[in-house]
Amino acid sequence: MLKSVTSRCYKYIRIVYGYQIFLRGEDMTKKELQEIRDISIEIQTLEDEIRDLKTSLMYTKAQTYNDMPKSKYIHTDKMSELICRLIDTERKLSEKKNILLKKRIEIETIIDTLPPIERTVIRLKYFQGKKWFEIANITNYSERSVQRFHGYALQKLQNL
């Protein structure tokens, strides 16, 4: 829910989950939109890594202790190593998801000021990572028209 809007500088103040977020339309750039896409890709990579680590854990034998003589070289327990990596990766994933959530909330508020077709193009391009021809198929416009809507949207976002 929009709490207050200052008319001259277009600053939005929004209370979301206890956080106060300040938004300025002039800060909205293509770079910020691409950053959201890049963070989403990074999150997907971390999720894949976690899945691989969990699979490795299923097939790793636990360290056994017996009365056999030990070598002079230190052997680390592979399972505990994998568990530590898994915990670290899950922590990184959680941090990235929090960053992405905050950025998406900020950007969604600004994107909502755009006309519907421009909003759709921006969301498909940057949030879902679609290619131009895919966006054209979804929106039933030509690729060139979709690119033009994209350009108009970016101009409007920078001029806010």
N, C-alpha and C. Protein backbone atom coordinates (compact mmCIF):
# COMPACT_ATOMS: atom_id res chain seq x y z
N MET A 1 0.84 -1.17 0.00
CA MET A 1 0.00 0.00 0.00
C MET A 1 0.89 1.24 0.00
N LEU A 2 0.63 2.17 -0.93
CA LEU A 2 1.42 3.38 -1.06
C LEU A 2 1.09 4.30 0.10
N LYS A 3 2.10 4.68 0.87
CA LYS A 3 1.88 5.48 2.07
C LYS A 3 1.87 6.98 1.75
N SER A 4 2.86 7.46 1.00
CA SER A 4 2.85 8.87 0.63
C SER A 4 3.64 9.06 -0.66
N VAL A 5 3.29 10.09 -1.38
CA VAL A 5 3.98 10.40 -2.63
C VAL A 5 4.30 11.89 -2.63
N THR A 6 5.56 12.22 -2.87
CA THR A 6 5.97 13.61 -2.99
C THR A 6 5.93 13.95 -4.47
N SER A 7 5.17 14.97 -4.85
CA SER A 7 4.88 15.21 -6.25
C SER A 7 6.09 15.65 -7.09
N ARG A 8 6.95 16.50 -6.60
CA ARG A 8 8.03 17.03 -7.44
C ARG A 8 9.14 16.03 -7.72
N CYS A 9 9.58 15.29 -6.75
CA CYS A 9 10.74 14.42 -6.98
C CYS A 9 10.34 12.96 -7.15
N TYR A 10 9.04 12.67 -7.17
CA TYR A 10 8.55 11.32 -7.41
C TYR A 10 9.17 10.28 -6.48
N LYS A 11 9.34 10.64 -5.23
CA LYS A 11 9.85 9.67 -4.27
C LYS A 11 8.66 8.89 -3.72
N TYR A 12 8.78 7.61 -3.75
CA TYR A 12 7.75 6.75 -3.17
C TYR A 12 8.27 6.24 -1.85
N ILE A 13 7.43 6.28 -0.84
CA ILE A 13 7.80 5.69 0.44
C ILE A 13 6.80 4.57 0.67
N ARG A 14 7.30 3.39 0.84
CA ARG A 14 6.43 2.24 0.97
C ARG A 14 6.87 1.41 2.17
N ILE A 15 5.94 1.01 2.97
CA ILE A 15 6.24 0.15 4.10
C ILE A 15 5.94 -1.28 3.68
N VAL A 16 6.97 -2.10 3.63
CA VAL A 16 6.82 -3.49 3.22
C VAL A 16 7.54 -4.37 4.23
N TYR A 17 6.81 -5.24 4.87
CA TYR A 17 7.38 -6.16 5.84
C TYR A 17 8.27 -5.43 6.85
N GLY A 18 7.87 -4.24 7.27
CA GLY A 18 8.63 -3.50 8.26
C GLY A 18 9.79 -2.71 7.69
N TYR A 19 10.06 -2.81 6.40
CA TYR A 19 11.15 -2.05 5.79
C TYR A 19 10.58 -0.80 5.14
N GLN A 20 11.29 0.30 5.24
CA GLN A 20 10.90 1.51 4.55
C GLN A 20 11.77 1.59 3.30
N ILE A 21 11.13 1.63 2.14
CA ILE A 21 11.86 1.61 0.88
C ILE A 21 11.64 2.94 0.18
N PHE A 22 12.73 3.61 -0.19
CA PHE A 22 12.65 4.87 -0.90
C PHE A 22 12.94 4.60 -2.37
N LEU A 23 12.07 5.05 -3.23
CA LEU A 23 12.21 4.80 -4.66
C LEU A 23 12.29 6.11 -5.41
N ARG A 24 13.16 6.18 -6.38
CA ARG A 24 13.23 7.34 -7.25
C ARG A 24 13.22 6.84 -8.68
N GLY A 25 12.30 7.37 -9.44
CA GLY A 25 12.20 6.96 -10.83
C GLY A 25 13.47 7.21 -11.61
N GLU A 26 14.21 8.26 -11.25
CA GLU A 26 15.44 8.58 -11.98
C GLU A 26 16.50 7.49 -11.81
N ASP A 27 16.39 6.69 -10.76
CA ASP A 27 17.36 5.63 -10.52
C ASP A 27 17.05 4.37 -11.33
N MET A 28 15.86 4.30 -11.90
CA MET A 28 15.45 3.12 -12.64
C MET A 28 16.17 3.10 -13.98
N THR A 29 17.04 2.17 -14.17
CA THR A 29 17.77 2.06 -15.42
C THR A 29 17.74 0.63 -15.90
N LYS A 30 18.17 0.46 -17.12
CA LYS A 30 18.25 -0.88 -17.70
C LYS A 30 19.19 -1.74 -16.89
N LYS A 31 20.24 -1.13 -16.35
CA LYS A 31 21.21 -1.87 -15.54
C LYS A 31 20.56 -2.50 -14.32
N GLU A 32 19.68 -1.75 -13.65
CA GLU A 32 18.98 -2.28 -12.47
C GLU A 32 18.06 -3.42 -12.85
N LEU A 33 17.39 -3.29 -13.99
CA LEU A 33 16.51 -4.36 -14.45
C LEU A 33 17.32 -5.62 -14.78
N GLN A 34 18.47 -5.43 -15.41
CA GLN A 34 19.33 -6.57 -15.73
C GLN A 34 19.89 -7.20 -14.47
N GLU A 35 20.11 -6.39 -13.44
CA GLU A 35 20.61 -6.91 -12.18
C GLU A 35 19.62 -7.90 -11.57
N ILE A 36 18.34 -7.61 -11.70
CA ILE A 36 17.31 -8.53 -11.20
C ILE A 36 17.39 -9.85 -11.94
N ARG A 37 17.53 -9.77 -13.26
CA ARG A 37 17.65 -11.00 -14.06
C ARG A 37 18.89 -11.78 -13.66
N ASP A 38 20.01 -11.09 -13.45
CA ASP A 38 21.25 -11.76 -13.08
C ASP A 38 21.15 -12.42 -11.70
N ILE A 39 20.50 -11.76 -10.76
CA ILE A 39 20.33 -12.34 -9.42
C ILE A 39 19.45 -13.59 -9.52
N SER A 40 18.41 -13.53 -10.37
CA SER A 40 17.55 -14.70 -10.55
C SER A 40 18.33 -15.89 -11.10
N ILE A 41 19.22 -15.61 -12.04
CA ILE A 41 20.06 -16.68 -12.61
C ILE A 41 20.99 -17.23 -11.54
N GLU A 42 21.56 -16.34 -10.73
CA GLU A 42 22.45 -16.77 -9.66
C GLU A 42 21.71 -17.63 -8.64
N ILE A 43 20.48 -17.27 -8.34
CA ILE A 43 19.67 -18.07 -7.41
C ILE A 43 19.43 -19.46 -7.99
N GLN A 44 19.12 -19.52 -9.28
CA GLN A 44 18.91 -20.82 -9.92
C GLN A 44 20.18 -21.68 -9.86
N THR A 45 21.33 -21.06 -10.07
CA THR A 45 22.61 -21.77 -9.99
C THR A 45 22.86 -22.30 -8.59
N LEU A 46 22.59 -21.49 -7.58
CA LEU A 46 22.76 -21.93 -6.19
C LEU A 46 21.80 -23.08 -5.85
N GLU A 47 20.56 -23.00 -6.35
CA GLU A 47 19.62 -24.09 -6.11
C GLU A 47 20.10 -25.39 -6.76
N ASP A 48 20.67 -25.28 -7.96
CA ASP A 48 21.23 -26.46 -8.63
C ASP A 48 22.40 -27.04 -7.83
N GLU A 49 23.24 -26.15 -7.31
CA GLU A 49 24.39 -26.59 -6.52
C GLU A 49 23.93 -27.30 -5.24
N ILE A 50 22.90 -26.77 -4.60
CA ILE A 50 22.36 -27.41 -3.40
C ILE A 50 21.81 -28.78 -3.72
N ARG A 51 21.10 -28.89 -4.83
CA ARG A 51 20.57 -30.19 -5.25
C ARG A 51 21.70 -31.19 -5.49
N ASP A 52 22.77 -30.74 -6.14
CA ASP A 52 23.92 -31.61 -6.39
C ASP A 52 24.60 -32.04 -5.10
N LEU A 53 24.73 -31.11 -4.16
CA LEU A 53 25.35 -31.44 -2.87
C LEU A 53 24.51 -32.46 -2.10
N LYS A 54 23.20 -32.29 -2.13
CA LYS A 54 22.33 -33.25 -1.45
C LYS A 54 22.43 -34.63 -2.09
N THR A 55 22.54 -34.67 -3.40
CA THR A 55 22.71 -35.95 -4.09
C THR A 55 24.04 -36.59 -3.71
N SER A 56 25.09 -35.77 -3.64
CA SER A 56 26.40 -36.29 -3.24
C SER A 56 26.37 -36.84 -1.82
N LEU A 57 25.63 -36.17 -0.95
CA LEU A 57 25.53 -36.64 0.44
C LEU A 57 24.85 -38.01 0.53
N MET A 58 23.90 -38.24 -0.34
CA MET A 58 23.20 -39.53 -0.31
C MET A 58 24.13 -40.69 -0.65
N TYR A 59 25.13 -40.42 -1.48
CA TYR A 59 26.01 -41.50 -1.93
C TYR A 59 27.39 -41.49 -1.28
N THR A 60 27.56 -40.66 -0.26
CA THR A 60 28.84 -40.59 0.44
C THR A 60 28.78 -41.46 1.68
N LYS A 61 29.83 -42.24 1.86
CA LYS A 61 29.89 -43.09 3.04
C LYS A 61 30.34 -42.27 4.24
N ALA A 62 29.79 -42.60 5.38
CA ALA A 62 30.21 -41.94 6.61
C ALA A 62 31.57 -42.48 7.02
N GLN A 63 32.30 -41.69 7.74
CA GLN A 63 33.63 -42.11 8.19
C GLN A 63 33.48 -43.24 9.21
N THR A 64 34.27 -44.27 9.03
CA THR A 64 34.23 -45.39 9.97
C THR A 64 35.50 -45.38 10.80
N TYR A 65 35.36 -45.82 12.02
CA TYR A 65 36.50 -45.87 12.92
C TYR A 65 36.79 -47.34 13.21
N ASN A 66 38.07 -47.67 13.18
CA ASN A 66 38.47 -49.03 13.53
C ASN A 66 39.85 -48.98 14.17
N ASP A 67 40.39 -50.15 14.46
CA ASP A 67 41.68 -50.22 15.14
C ASP A 67 42.87 -50.24 14.20
N MET A 68 42.60 -50.02 12.93
CA MET A 68 43.70 -50.04 11.96
C MET A 68 44.59 -48.83 12.17
N PRO A 69 45.88 -48.99 11.89
CA PRO A 69 46.80 -47.85 12.04
C PRO A 69 46.42 -46.71 11.09
N LYS A 70 46.62 -45.51 11.52
CA LYS A 70 46.31 -44.31 10.74
C LYS A 70 47.56 -43.86 9.99
N SER A 71 47.34 -43.24 8.86
CA SER A 71 48.49 -42.72 8.12
C SER A 71 48.90 -41.39 8.75
N LYS A 72 50.06 -40.94 8.38
CA LYS A 72 50.52 -39.68 8.95
C LYS A 72 49.86 -38.47 8.29
N TYR A 73 49.18 -38.67 7.15
CA TYR A 73 48.49 -37.59 6.46
C TYR A 73 47.10 -37.43 7.05
N ILE A 74 46.68 -36.21 7.17
CA ILE A 74 45.36 -35.94 7.75
C ILE A 74 44.31 -36.12 6.66
N HIS A 75 43.35 -36.97 6.93
CA HIS A 75 42.24 -37.17 6.01
C HIS A 75 41.01 -36.49 6.58
N THR A 76 40.39 -35.69 5.79
CA THR A 76 39.18 -35.04 6.26
C THR A 76 37.98 -35.92 5.94
N ASP A 77 36.96 -35.77 6.72
CA ASP A 77 35.73 -36.52 6.53
C ASP A 77 34.96 -35.88 5.37
N LYS A 78 34.74 -36.61 4.31
CA LYS A 78 34.09 -36.08 3.12
C LYS A 78 32.65 -35.66 3.41
N MET A 79 31.96 -36.42 4.24
CA MET A 79 30.57 -36.09 4.54
C MET A 79 30.47 -34.77 5.28
N SER A 80 31.30 -34.55 6.27
CA SER A 80 31.23 -33.28 7.00
C SER A 80 31.61 -32.11 6.10
N GLU A 81 32.53 -32.35 5.19
CA GLU A 81 32.90 -31.32 4.22
C GLU A 81 31.70 -30.94 3.35
N LEU A 82 30.99 -31.95 2.87
CA LEU A 82 29.81 -31.71 2.03
C LEU A 82 28.71 -30.99 2.81
N ILE A 83 28.54 -31.38 4.06
CA ILE A 83 27.51 -30.73 4.89
C ILE A 83 27.85 -29.26 5.10
N CYS A 84 29.11 -28.95 5.35
CA CYS A 84 29.52 -27.55 5.52
C CYS A 84 29.28 -26.75 4.25
N ARG A 85 29.63 -27.32 3.11
CA ARG A 85 29.40 -26.64 1.83
C ARG A 85 27.91 -26.42 1.60
N LEU A 86 27.10 -27.43 1.96
CA LEU A 86 25.66 -27.33 1.79
C LEU A 86 25.09 -26.19 2.65
N ILE A 87 25.52 -26.11 3.89
CA ILE A 87 25.05 -25.06 4.80
C ILE A 87 25.46 -23.68 4.27
N ASP A 88 26.69 -23.54 3.83
CA ASP A 88 27.16 -22.25 3.29
C ASP A 88 26.37 -21.86 2.05
N THR A 89 26.12 -22.82 1.18
CA THR A 89 25.39 -22.53 -0.06
C THR A 89 23.95 -22.16 0.24
N GLU A 90 23.33 -22.83 1.20
CA GLU A 90 21.95 -22.48 1.58
C GLU A 90 21.88 -21.09 2.19
N ARG A 91 22.90 -20.70 2.94
CA ARG A 91 22.94 -19.35 3.51
C ARG A 91 23.06 -18.31 2.40
N LYS A 92 23.95 -18.57 1.42
CA LYS A 92 24.10 -17.65 0.28
C LYS A 92 22.79 -17.53 -0.48
N LEU A 93 22.11 -18.67 -0.68
CA LEU A 93 20.84 -18.67 -1.40
C LEU A 93 19.81 -17.82 -0.68
N SER A 94 19.74 -17.96 0.61
CA SER A 94 18.79 -17.18 1.41
C SER A 94 19.07 -15.68 1.29
N GLU A 95 20.34 -15.31 1.35
CA GLU A 95 20.71 -13.90 1.22
C GLU A 95 20.33 -13.35 -0.15
N LYS A 96 20.61 -14.13 -1.20
CA LYS A 96 20.28 -13.68 -2.57
C LYS A 96 18.78 -13.54 -2.75
N LYS A 97 18.01 -14.46 -2.17
CA LYS A 97 16.55 -14.36 -2.29
C LYS A 97 16.02 -13.12 -1.59
N ASN A 98 16.60 -12.77 -0.45
CA ASN A 98 16.18 -11.56 0.26
C ASN A 98 16.50 -10.31 -0.56
N ILE A 99 17.69 -10.28 -1.15
CA ILE A 99 18.08 -9.14 -1.99
C ILE A 99 17.13 -9.02 -3.18
N LEU A 100 16.86 -10.16 -3.82
CA LEU A 100 15.97 -10.15 -4.98
C LEU A 100 14.57 -9.68 -4.61
N LEU A 101 14.06 -10.13 -3.48
CA LEU A 101 12.73 -9.72 -3.04
C LEU A 101 12.65 -8.21 -2.84
N LYS A 102 13.65 -7.66 -2.17
CA LYS A 102 13.66 -6.21 -1.93
C LYS A 102 13.72 -5.43 -3.23
N LYS A 103 14.60 -5.85 -4.15
CA LYS A 103 14.73 -5.15 -5.43
C LYS A 103 13.45 -5.27 -6.26
N ARG A 104 12.85 -6.45 -6.26
CA ARG A 104 11.62 -6.63 -7.04
C ARG A 104 10.49 -5.78 -6.49
N ILE A 105 10.39 -5.67 -5.18
CA ILE A 105 9.34 -4.83 -4.59
C ILE A 105 9.55 -3.38 -5.01
N GLU A 106 10.79 -2.91 -4.96
CA GLU A 106 11.10 -1.54 -5.35
C GLU A 106 10.74 -1.30 -6.82
N ILE A 107 11.19 -2.20 -7.67
CA ILE A 107 11.01 -2.01 -9.11
C ILE A 107 9.56 -2.21 -9.53
N GLU A 108 8.86 -3.16 -8.92
CA GLU A 108 7.45 -3.39 -9.24
C GLU A 108 6.62 -2.14 -9.00
N THR A 109 6.93 -1.42 -7.93
CA THR A 109 6.19 -0.21 -7.61
C THR A 109 6.33 0.82 -8.73
N ILE A 110 7.51 0.94 -9.25
CA ILE A 110 7.75 1.91 -10.33
C ILE A 110 7.17 1.40 -11.65
N ILE A 111 7.32 0.12 -11.93
CA ILE A 111 6.82 -0.46 -13.19
C ILE A 111 5.29 -0.34 -13.27
N ASP A 112 4.63 -0.38 -12.14
CA ASP A 112 3.16 -0.29 -12.14
C ASP A 112 2.65 1.03 -12.71
N THR A 113 3.51 2.03 -12.88
CA THR A 113 3.09 3.30 -13.46
C THR A 113 3.07 3.25 -14.98
N LEU A 114 3.62 2.21 -15.59
CA LEU A 114 3.68 2.08 -17.04
C LEU A 114 2.36 1.57 -17.62
N PRO A 115 2.13 1.81 -18.93
CA PRO A 115 0.97 1.20 -19.60
C PRO A 115 1.10 -0.33 -19.60
N PRO A 116 -0.02 -1.04 -19.70
CA PRO A 116 -0.01 -2.50 -19.58
C PRO A 116 0.97 -3.24 -20.51
N ILE A 117 1.03 -2.87 -21.78
CA ILE A 117 1.90 -3.60 -22.71
C ILE A 117 3.37 -3.39 -22.35
N GLU A 118 3.72 -2.18 -21.96
CA GLU A 118 5.11 -1.89 -21.59
C GLU A 118 5.48 -2.62 -20.29
N ARG A 119 4.54 -2.66 -19.34
CA ARG A 119 4.75 -3.43 -18.10
C ARG A 119 5.01 -4.89 -18.42
N THR A 120 4.18 -5.43 -19.31
CA THR A 120 4.30 -6.84 -19.67
C THR A 120 5.65 -7.13 -20.31
N VAL A 121 6.07 -6.27 -21.22
CA VAL A 121 7.35 -6.46 -21.91
C VAL A 121 8.51 -6.42 -20.90
N ILE A 122 8.50 -5.44 -20.01
CA ILE A 122 9.57 -5.32 -19.01
C ILE A 122 9.60 -6.56 -18.11
N ARG A 123 8.44 -6.98 -17.66
CA ARG A 123 8.39 -8.16 -16.77
C ARG A 123 8.87 -9.41 -17.49
N LEU A 124 8.42 -9.62 -18.71
CA LEU A 124 8.84 -10.82 -19.45
C LEU A 124 10.34 -10.80 -19.75
N LYS A 125 10.85 -9.63 -20.10
CA LYS A 125 12.26 -9.52 -20.47
C LYS A 125 13.19 -9.68 -19.26
N TYR A 126 12.89 -8.98 -18.18
CA TYR A 126 13.83 -8.92 -17.07
C TYR A 126 13.51 -9.85 -15.91
N PHE A 127 12.24 -10.10 -15.67
CA PHE A 127 11.90 -10.97 -14.53
C PHE A 127 11.86 -12.43 -14.95
N GLN A 128 11.41 -12.69 -16.18
CA GLN A 128 11.32 -14.07 -16.63
C GLN A 128 12.43 -14.45 -17.60
N GLY A 129 13.22 -13.48 -18.04
CA GLY A 129 14.38 -13.75 -18.90
C GLY A 129 14.03 -14.22 -20.29
N LYS A 130 12.89 -13.81 -20.82
CA LYS A 130 12.46 -14.24 -22.16
C LYS A 130 13.24 -13.51 -23.24
N LYS A 131 13.35 -14.15 -24.38
CA LYS A 131 13.99 -13.55 -25.56
C LYS A 131 12.94 -12.71 -26.30
N TRP A 132 13.41 -11.86 -27.22
CA TRP A 132 12.50 -10.96 -27.93
C TRP A 132 11.43 -11.73 -28.69
N PHE A 133 11.82 -12.79 -29.39
CA PHE A 133 10.83 -13.53 -30.19
C PHE A 133 9.80 -14.23 -29.29
N GLU A 134 10.21 -14.64 -28.10
CA GLU A 134 9.26 -15.26 -27.17
C GLU A 134 8.26 -14.22 -26.66
N ILE A 135 8.75 -13.03 -26.35
CA ILE A 135 7.87 -11.96 -25.90
C ILE A 135 6.90 -11.59 -27.01
N ALA A 136 7.40 -11.55 -28.25
CA ALA A 136 6.54 -11.23 -29.39
C ALA A 136 5.43 -12.27 -29.53
N ASN A 137 5.76 -13.54 -29.37
CA ASN A 137 4.74 -14.59 -29.46
C ASN A 137 3.70 -14.48 -28.34
N ILE A 138 4.15 -14.18 -27.15
CA ILE A 138 3.24 -14.08 -26.00
C ILE A 138 2.30 -12.90 -26.14
N THR A 139 2.83 -11.76 -26.60
CA THR A 139 2.04 -10.52 -26.66
C THR A 139 1.32 -10.34 -27.99
N ASN A 140 1.60 -11.18 -28.97
CA ASN A 140 1.01 -11.08 -30.31
C ASN A 140 1.36 -9.78 -31.02
N TYR A 141 2.56 -9.28 -30.77
CA TYR A 141 3.11 -8.14 -31.50
C TYR A 141 4.34 -8.63 -32.24
N SER A 142 4.81 -7.82 -33.21
CA SER A 142 6.04 -8.19 -33.90
C SER A 142 7.23 -7.95 -32.97
N GLU A 143 8.35 -8.59 -33.31
CA GLU A 143 9.56 -8.41 -32.50
C GLU A 143 9.95 -6.94 -32.43
N ARG A 144 9.87 -6.27 -33.56
CA ARG A 144 10.24 -4.85 -33.62
C ARG A 144 9.33 -4.00 -32.72
N SER A 145 8.04 -4.30 -32.73
CA SER A 145 7.10 -3.55 -31.87
C SER A 145 7.41 -3.78 -30.40
N VAL A 146 7.74 -5.01 -30.06
CA VAL A 146 8.08 -5.33 -28.68
C VAL A 146 9.32 -4.57 -28.25
N GLN A 147 10.32 -4.50 -29.14
CA GLN A 147 11.54 -3.76 -28.82
C GLN A 147 11.24 -2.26 -28.69
N ARG A 148 10.32 -1.77 -29.49
CA ARG A 148 9.93 -0.37 -29.41
C ARG A 148 9.22 -0.09 -28.07
N PHE A 149 8.31 -0.97 -27.67
CA PHE A 149 7.64 -0.83 -26.36
C PHE A 149 8.66 -0.84 -25.23
N HIS A 150 9.66 -1.69 -25.37
CA HIS A 150 10.73 -1.79 -24.38
C HIS A 150 11.47 -0.45 -24.28
N GLY A 151 11.80 0.12 -25.42
CA GLY A 151 12.48 1.41 -25.44
C GLY A 151 11.64 2.52 -24.82
N TYR A 152 10.35 2.55 -25.17
CA TYR A 152 9.45 3.55 -24.57
C TYR A 152 9.40 3.39 -23.06
N ALA A 153 9.31 2.15 -22.60
CA ALA A 153 9.22 1.88 -21.16
C ALA A 153 10.47 2.38 -20.45
N LEU A 154 11.64 2.08 -21.01
CA LEU A 154 12.90 2.52 -20.39
C LEU A 154 12.98 4.04 -20.34
N GLN A 155 12.55 4.70 -21.41
CA GLN A 155 12.55 6.17 -21.41
C GLN A 155 11.65 6.72 -20.32
N LYS A 156 10.45 6.15 -20.20
CA LYS A 156 9.51 6.61 -19.19
C LYS A 156 10.05 6.37 -17.79
N LEU A 157 10.69 5.24 -17.58
CA LEU A 157 11.23 4.93 -16.27
C LEU A 157 12.36 5.89 -15.90
N GLN A 158 13.16 6.29 -16.87
CA GLN A 158 14.25 7.21 -16.58
C GLN A 158 13.75 8.63 -16.37
N ASN A 159 12.60 8.95 -16.97
CA ASN A 159 12.06 10.30 -16.85
C ASN A 159 11.17 10.50 -15.63
N LEU A 160 10.86 9.43 -14.91
CA LEU A 160 10.00 9.57 -13.72
C LEU A 160 10.66 10.44 -12.68
